[in-house]
Amino acid sequence: ETEVERLQRLLAGMEKEHRDLLARMEAGEAELERLREVEGAKAAQQDRSAQLEKEVATLREKIHHLDDMLKSQQRKVRQMIEQLQNSKTVVQAKDAAIQELKERVSYL
C-alpha cells in the first residue's frame, strides 16, 4: 500500500510537471507566433525565434517522454491495485477457512 501511495504521489508530480510543460510550450508557441507576425526581421528577433523553436521542440520531446512515463506508471499502479485486491481476496478466503477450522475444533 505504501508503494501504491508512493507511485500515486509520483504520478501526481509527473502530471503536474506535464501540465506545467504544456503551459510553457503553449506560452512559447504564442510568443513565437507573435515574433513571426512582427514586421521587420531583426537579427535579435530571428535569434529569439530560433531559440523558441528549439525550446518548443525540446518541450514537446519532454512532454512525449512524460506521457510515456505517466502511462507506464498508471499501468503499474493499476497492476499493484489489482494484486492488492487479489491478495485481500486470498487472505479473506484463508481467514474464512481458518474460522471454519476453529469452529470444527471447538465442536470436537
Protein backbone atom coordinates (compact mmCIF):
# COMPACT_ATOMS: atom_id res chain seq x y z
CA GLU A 1 0.00 0.00 0.00
CA THR A 2 2.88 2.38 0.75
CA GLU A 3 4.36 1.53 -2.65
CA VAL A 4 1.00 2.31 -4.29
CA GLU A 5 0.82 5.60 -2.40
CA ARG A 6 4.39 6.44 -3.40
CA LEU A 7 3.60 5.68 -7.04
CA GLN A 8 0.41 7.75 -6.87
CA ARG A 9 2.39 10.70 -5.47
CA LEU A 10 4.92 10.20 -8.26
CA LEU A 11 2.10 10.14 -10.80
CA ALA A 12 0.63 13.35 -9.38
CA GLY A 13 4.02 15.04 -9.61
CA MET A 14 4.51 13.87 -13.17
CA GLU A 15 1.02 15.06 -14.12
CA LYS A 16 1.76 18.48 -12.62
CA GLU A 17 5.07 18.67 -14.48
CA HIS A 18 3.23 17.60 -17.64
CA ARG A 19 0.69 20.43 -17.22
CA ASP A 20 3.50 22.93 -16.48
CA LEU A 21 5.42 21.84 -19.57
CA LEU A 22 2.27 22.10 -21.71
CA ALA A 23 1.67 25.61 -20.40
CA ARG A 24 5.30 26.58 -21.08
CA MET A 25 5.09 25.09 -24.56
CA GLU A 26 1.88 26.97 -25.31
CA ALA A 27 3.40 30.19 -23.99
CA GLY A 28 6.49 29.60 -26.13
CA GLU A 29 4.38 28.91 -29.20
CA ALA A 30 2.31 32.05 -28.57
CA GLU A 31 5.44 34.16 -28.23
CA LEU A 32 6.90 32.51 -31.33
CA GLU A 33 3.77 33.38 -33.32
CA ARG A 34 3.87 36.95 -32.03
CA LEU A 35 7.50 37.26 -33.07
CA ARG A 36 6.72 35.90 -36.53
CA GLU A 37 3.98 38.50 -37.03
CA VAL A 38 6.13 41.45 -36.09
CA GLU A 39 7.23 43.41 -39.12
CA GLY A 40 10.89 43.52 -39.98
CA ALA A 41 13.02 40.51 -39.34
CA LYS A 42 15.60 41.92 -36.98
CA ALA A 43 18.56 39.74 -36.09
CA ALA A 44 17.63 39.65 -32.40
CA GLN A 45 14.10 38.54 -33.23
CA GLN A 46 15.41 35.85 -35.55
CA ASP A 47 17.73 34.58 -32.83
CA ARG A 48 14.90 34.55 -30.29
CA SER A 49 12.62 32.81 -32.77
CA ALA A 50 15.20 30.08 -33.39
CA GLN A 51 15.74 29.71 -29.65
CA LEU A 52 12.00 29.39 -29.05
CA GLU A 53 11.65 26.83 -31.84
CA LYS A 54 14.38 24.74 -30.22
CA GLU A 55 12.74 25.15 -26.80
CA VAL A 56 9.32 24.15 -28.16
CA ALA A 57 10.85 21.07 -29.83
CA THR A 58 12.61 20.15 -26.58
CA LEU A 59 9.43 20.66 -24.56
CA ARG A 60 7.43 18.53 -26.99
CA GLU A 61 10.01 15.79 -26.61
CA LYS A 62 9.85 16.07 -22.80
CA ILE A 63 6.04 16.01 -22.88
CA HIS A 64 6.09 12.91 -25.06
CA HIS A 65 8.54 11.26 -22.68
CA LEU A 66 6.41 12.26 -19.66
CA ASP A 67 3.30 10.91 -21.37
CA ASP A 68 5.04 7.58 -21.85
CA MET A 69 6.26 7.54 -18.24
CA LEU A 70 2.84 8.55 -16.97
CA LYS A 71 1.11 5.77 -18.88
CA SER A 72 3.69 3.29 -17.63
CA GLN A 73 3.24 4.39 -14.03
CA GLN A 74 -0.54 4.25 -14.37
CA ARG A 75 -0.27 0.67 -15.64
CA LYS A 76 1.98 -0.21 -12.70
CA VAL A 77 -0.43 1.36 -10.21
CA ARG A 78 -3.38 -0.48 -11.76
CA GLN A 79 -1.44 -3.75 -11.60
CA MET A 80 -0.45 -3.14 -7.98
CA ILE A 81 -4.05 -2.32 -7.03
CA GLU A 82 -5.21 -5.48 -8.78
CA GLN A 83 -2.55 -7.52 -6.96
CA LEU A 84 -3.56 -5.94 -3.67
CA GLN A 85 -7.22 -6.78 -4.30
CA ASN A 86 -6.29 -10.34 -5.24
CA SER A 87 -4.20 -10.66 -2.08
CA LYS A 88 -7.08 -9.36 0.03
CA THR A 89 -9.39 -11.94 -1.56
CA VAL A 90 -6.90 -14.72 -0.82
CA VAL A 91 -6.49 -13.53 2.78
CA GLN A 92 -10.27 -13.38 3.23
CA ALA A 93 -10.63 -16.91 1.86
CA LYS A 94 -7.90 -18.16 4.20
CA ASP A 95 -9.48 -16.32 7.14
CA ALA A 96 -12.80 -17.99 6.35
CA ALA A 97 -11.10 -21.40 6.17
CA ILE A 98 -9.35 -20.75 9.49
CA GLN A 99 -12.62 -19.69 11.09
CA GLU A 100 -14.31 -22.84 9.80
CA LEU A 101 -11.48 -24.99 11.19
CA LYS A 102 -11.74 -23.20 14.55
CA GLU A 103 -15.45 -23.91 14.64
CA ARG A 104 -14.83 -27.58 13.86
CA VAL A 105 -12.17 -27.79 16.59
CA SER A 106 -14.46 -26.18 19.13
CA TYR A 107 -17.25 -28.55 18.10
CA LEU A 108 -14.94 -31.56 18.59
